[in-house]
Amino acid sequence: MENNELISKLKAIIKPYIQDEDAFKNLSEDTDFVKDLKINSANLVDIILDIEDEFDIRLENADMEKMLDVKSAMAIVNTKLAG
């Protein structure tokens, strides 16, 4: 999947949970879900569940622990889609 398409899909998933609108507007691969977007841990779980549904993949606990920023989310989704 193209990076732009993937980022666009991730943005749609993340948007309801963000607490920092300015950071969301400037979202990039380096954006951290907790530090930059101020997403709490409960909402991070919701985002992970939404990602699983959107891409029809299953994430293991090890994947979830690594999914802290946009870049790692993209890498995990791409790996799951390829596998």
N, C-alpha and C. Protein backbone atom coordinates (compact mmCIF):
# COMPACT_ATOMS: atom_id res chain seq x y z
N MET A 1 0.84 -1.19 0.00
CA MET A 1 0.00 0.00 0.00
C MET A 1 0.88 1.25 0.00
N GLU A 2 0.52 2.23 -0.79
CA GLU A 2 1.28 3.48 -0.85
C GLU A 2 1.28 4.18 0.51
N ASN A 3 2.40 4.83 0.85
CA ASN A 3 2.51 5.52 2.14
C ASN A 3 1.44 6.60 2.30
N ASN A 4 1.19 7.38 1.25
CA ASN A 4 0.19 8.45 1.36
C ASN A 4 -1.19 7.89 1.65
N GLU A 5 -1.53 6.79 0.98
CA GLU A 5 -2.83 6.16 1.20
C GLU A 5 -2.92 5.61 2.63
N LEU A 6 -1.85 5.00 3.08
CA LEU A 6 -1.82 4.45 4.42
C LEU A 6 -1.93 5.55 5.48
N ILE A 7 -1.18 6.63 5.31
CA ILE A 7 -1.25 7.75 6.25
C ILE A 7 -2.67 8.32 6.27
N SER A 8 -3.28 8.45 5.11
CA SER A 8 -4.64 8.97 5.03
C SER A 8 -5.61 8.09 5.81
N LYS A 9 -5.50 6.79 5.66
CA LYS A 9 -6.37 5.87 6.40
C LYS A 9 -6.10 5.94 7.90
N LEU A 10 -4.83 6.02 8.28
CA LEU A 10 -4.48 6.12 9.70
C LEU A 10 -5.02 7.42 10.29
N LYS A 11 -4.93 8.51 9.55
CA LYS A 11 -5.44 9.79 10.04
C LYS A 11 -6.93 9.71 10.32
N ALA A 12 -7.68 9.06 9.43
CA ALA A 12 -9.13 8.92 9.63
C ALA A 12 -9.43 8.10 10.89
N ILE A 13 -8.60 7.09 11.15
CA ILE A 13 -8.78 6.26 12.34
C ILE A 13 -8.43 7.03 13.62
N ILE A 14 -7.35 7.79 13.56
CA ILE A 14 -6.82 8.49 14.73
C ILE A 14 -7.63 9.72 15.12
N LYS A 15 -8.20 10.41 14.14
CA LYS A 15 -8.83 11.71 14.35
C LYS A 15 -9.79 11.79 15.54
N PRO A 16 -10.69 10.82 15.75
CA PRO A 16 -11.63 10.96 16.88
C PRO A 16 -10.96 10.95 18.26
N TYR A 17 -9.72 10.52 18.33
CA TYR A 17 -9.08 10.32 19.64
C TYR A 17 -8.04 11.39 19.99
N ILE A 18 -7.72 12.27 19.07
CA ILE A 18 -6.63 13.22 19.31
C ILE A 18 -7.03 14.29 20.32
N GLN A 19 -6.03 14.80 21.01
CA GLN A 19 -6.24 15.89 21.97
C GLN A 19 -5.49 17.15 21.54
N ASP A 20 -4.65 17.05 20.52
CA ASP A 20 -3.86 18.20 20.07
C ASP A 20 -4.10 18.39 18.57
N GLU A 21 -4.99 19.31 18.25
CA GLU A 21 -5.40 19.54 16.86
C GLU A 21 -4.23 20.02 15.99
N ASP A 22 -3.37 20.88 16.54
CA ASP A 22 -2.23 21.40 15.76
C ASP A 22 -1.27 20.29 15.38
N ALA A 23 -0.98 19.41 16.33
CA ALA A 23 -0.08 18.29 16.04
C ALA A 23 -0.71 17.38 14.98
N PHE A 24 -2.04 17.21 15.03
CA PHE A 24 -2.72 16.35 14.06
C PHE A 24 -2.62 16.95 12.66
N LYS A 25 -2.75 18.27 12.56
CA LYS A 25 -2.65 18.93 11.25
C LYS A 25 -1.28 18.72 10.63
N ASN A 26 -0.26 18.60 11.46
CA ASN A 26 1.11 18.44 10.99
C ASN A 26 1.57 16.99 11.07
N LEU A 27 0.63 16.06 11.12
CA LEU A 27 0.96 14.65 11.26
C LEU A 27 1.92 14.19 10.17
N SER A 28 2.94 13.46 10.61
CA SER A 28 3.92 12.89 9.68
C SER A 28 4.29 11.50 10.20
N GLU A 29 5.20 10.85 9.52
CA GLU A 29 5.65 9.53 9.98
C GLU A 29 6.27 9.59 11.36
N ASP A 30 6.79 10.75 11.74
CA ASP A 30 7.47 10.88 13.03
C ASP A 30 6.54 11.26 14.18
N THR A 31 5.25 11.45 13.90
CA THR A 31 4.30 11.85 14.93
C THR A 31 4.10 10.70 15.93
N ASP A 32 4.26 11.03 17.21
CA ASP A 32 4.06 10.08 18.30
C ASP A 32 2.62 10.19 18.79
N PHE A 33 1.94 9.07 18.91
CA PHE A 33 0.54 9.09 19.30
C PHE A 33 0.31 9.70 20.68
N VAL A 34 1.15 9.35 21.65
CA VAL A 34 0.96 9.82 23.01
C VAL A 34 1.58 11.20 23.23
N LYS A 35 2.86 11.34 22.87
CA LYS A 35 3.57 12.59 23.14
C LYS A 35 3.06 13.76 22.30
N ASP A 36 2.82 13.52 21.01
CA ASP A 36 2.43 14.62 20.11
C ASP A 36 0.91 14.83 20.06
N LEU A 37 0.17 13.75 19.91
CA LEU A 37 -1.28 13.87 19.73
C LEU A 37 -2.04 13.79 21.04
N LYS A 38 -1.33 13.50 22.13
CA LYS A 38 -1.92 13.44 23.48
C LYS A 38 -3.03 12.40 23.59
N ILE A 39 -2.84 11.27 22.90
CA ILE A 39 -3.81 10.18 22.95
C ILE A 39 -3.51 9.33 24.19
N ASN A 40 -4.54 9.07 25.00
CA ASN A 40 -4.30 8.27 26.21
C ASN A 40 -4.26 6.79 25.88
N SER A 41 -3.80 6.00 26.84
CA SER A 41 -3.57 4.57 26.58
C SER A 41 -4.86 3.82 26.26
N ALA A 42 -5.97 4.21 26.88
CA ALA A 42 -7.25 3.54 26.58
C ALA A 42 -7.65 3.81 25.13
N ASN A 43 -7.47 5.03 24.67
CA ASN A 43 -7.79 5.36 23.28
C ASN A 43 -6.82 4.72 22.31
N LEU A 44 -5.59 4.50 22.75
CA LEU A 44 -4.61 3.82 21.90
C LEU A 44 -5.07 2.39 21.61
N VAL A 45 -5.67 1.76 22.59
CA VAL A 45 -6.24 0.42 22.38
C VAL A 45 -7.37 0.49 21.35
N ASP A 46 -8.23 1.52 21.47
CA ASP A 46 -9.31 1.70 20.50
C ASP A 46 -8.76 1.88 19.09
N ILE A 47 -7.69 2.66 18.96
CA ILE A 47 -7.07 2.89 17.66
C ILE A 47 -6.55 1.57 17.08
N ILE A 48 -5.91 0.77 17.92
CA ILE A 48 -5.39 -0.52 17.47
C ILE A 48 -6.52 -1.42 16.98
N LEU A 49 -7.63 -1.45 17.72
CA LEU A 49 -8.78 -2.25 17.30
C LEU A 49 -9.35 -1.73 15.98
N ASP A 50 -9.40 -0.40 15.84
CA ASP A 50 -9.90 0.20 14.59
C ASP A 50 -8.97 -0.13 13.42
N ILE A 51 -7.66 -0.15 13.67
CA ILE A 51 -6.69 -0.50 12.62
C ILE A 51 -6.90 -1.95 12.19
N GLU A 52 -7.11 -2.82 13.16
CA GLU A 52 -7.37 -4.23 12.83
C GLU A 52 -8.60 -4.35 11.93
N ASP A 53 -9.65 -3.63 12.28
CA ASP A 53 -10.89 -3.69 11.49
C ASP A 53 -10.70 -3.09 10.10
N GLU A 54 -10.07 -1.93 10.03
CA GLU A 54 -9.90 -1.23 8.76
C GLU A 54 -9.10 -2.05 7.75
N PHE A 55 -8.03 -2.68 8.23
CA PHE A 55 -7.13 -3.39 7.32
C PHE A 55 -7.35 -4.90 7.34
N ASP A 56 -8.31 -5.36 8.14
CA ASP A 56 -8.62 -6.79 8.25
C ASP A 56 -7.37 -7.59 8.60
N ILE A 57 -6.70 -7.14 9.67
CA ILE A 57 -5.50 -7.82 10.16
C ILE A 57 -5.67 -8.08 11.65
N ARG A 58 -4.84 -8.94 12.20
CA ARG A 58 -4.81 -9.19 13.64
C ARG A 58 -3.45 -8.78 14.17
N LEU A 59 -3.46 -8.00 15.23
CA LEU A 59 -2.20 -7.54 15.82
C LEU A 59 -1.95 -8.30 17.12
N GLU A 60 -0.73 -8.76 17.26
CA GLU A 60 -0.33 -9.46 18.48
C GLU A 60 0.09 -8.43 19.53
N ASN A 61 0.21 -8.87 20.78
CA ASN A 61 0.62 -7.96 21.85
C ASN A 61 1.96 -7.29 21.54
N ALA A 62 2.89 -8.04 20.96
CA ALA A 62 4.20 -7.47 20.63
C ALA A 62 4.05 -6.35 19.60
N ASP A 63 3.13 -6.51 18.64
CA ASP A 63 2.88 -5.45 17.66
C ASP A 63 2.31 -4.22 18.34
N MET A 64 1.36 -4.44 19.23
CA MET A 64 0.69 -3.33 19.91
C MET A 64 1.67 -2.52 20.75
N GLU A 65 2.60 -3.20 21.40
CA GLU A 65 3.58 -2.52 22.24
C GLU A 65 4.50 -1.62 21.41
N LYS A 66 4.71 -1.97 20.15
CA LYS A 66 5.60 -1.19 19.27
C LYS A 66 4.86 -0.05 18.56
N MET A 67 3.54 -0.08 18.56
CA MET A 67 2.77 0.87 17.77
C MET A 67 2.59 2.18 18.55
N LEU A 68 3.66 2.95 18.63
CA LEU A 68 3.65 4.17 19.42
C LEU A 68 3.66 5.43 18.56
N ASP A 69 4.00 5.28 17.29
CA ASP A 69 4.03 6.44 16.40
C ASP A 69 3.56 6.03 15.02
N VAL A 70 3.41 7.00 14.16
CA VAL A 70 2.86 6.76 12.83
C VAL A 70 3.77 5.82 12.03
N LYS A 71 5.08 6.04 12.11
CA LYS A 71 6.02 5.22 11.34
C LYS A 71 5.93 3.75 11.73
N SER A 72 5.90 3.45 13.03
CA SER A 72 5.82 2.06 13.45
C SER A 72 4.46 1.45 13.11
N ALA A 73 3.39 2.24 13.20
CA ALA A 73 2.07 1.75 12.80
C ALA A 73 2.06 1.37 11.33
N MET A 74 2.66 2.21 10.50
CA MET A 74 2.72 1.94 9.06
C MET A 74 3.52 0.67 8.78
N ALA A 75 4.66 0.51 9.47
CA ALA A 75 5.51 -0.66 9.25
C ALA A 75 4.77 -1.94 9.66
N ILE A 76 4.08 -1.90 10.78
CA ILE A 76 3.36 -3.08 11.26
C ILE A 76 2.21 -3.43 10.31
N VAL A 77 1.45 -2.43 9.89
CA VAL A 77 0.33 -2.68 8.97
C VAL A 77 0.86 -3.26 7.65
N ASN A 78 1.91 -2.67 7.12
CA ASN A 78 2.47 -3.17 5.86
C ASN A 78 2.99 -4.59 6.00
N THR A 79 3.62 -4.90 7.12
CA THR A 79 4.11 -6.26 7.35
C THR A 79 2.96 -7.24 7.42
N LYS A 80 1.90 -6.88 8.13
CA LYS A 80 0.74 -7.76 8.26
C LYS A 80 0.04 -7.95 6.91
N LEU A 81 -0.08 -6.88 6.13
CA LEU A 81 -0.73 -6.98 4.83
C LEU A 81 0.09 -7.85 3.86
N ALA A 82 1.41 -7.79 4.00
CA ALA A 82 2.28 -8.57 3.11
C ALA A 82 2.29 -10.04 3.50
N GLY A 83 2.07 -10.30 4.80
CA GLY A 83 2.16 -11.67 5.29
C GLY A 83 0.91 -12.42 5.08
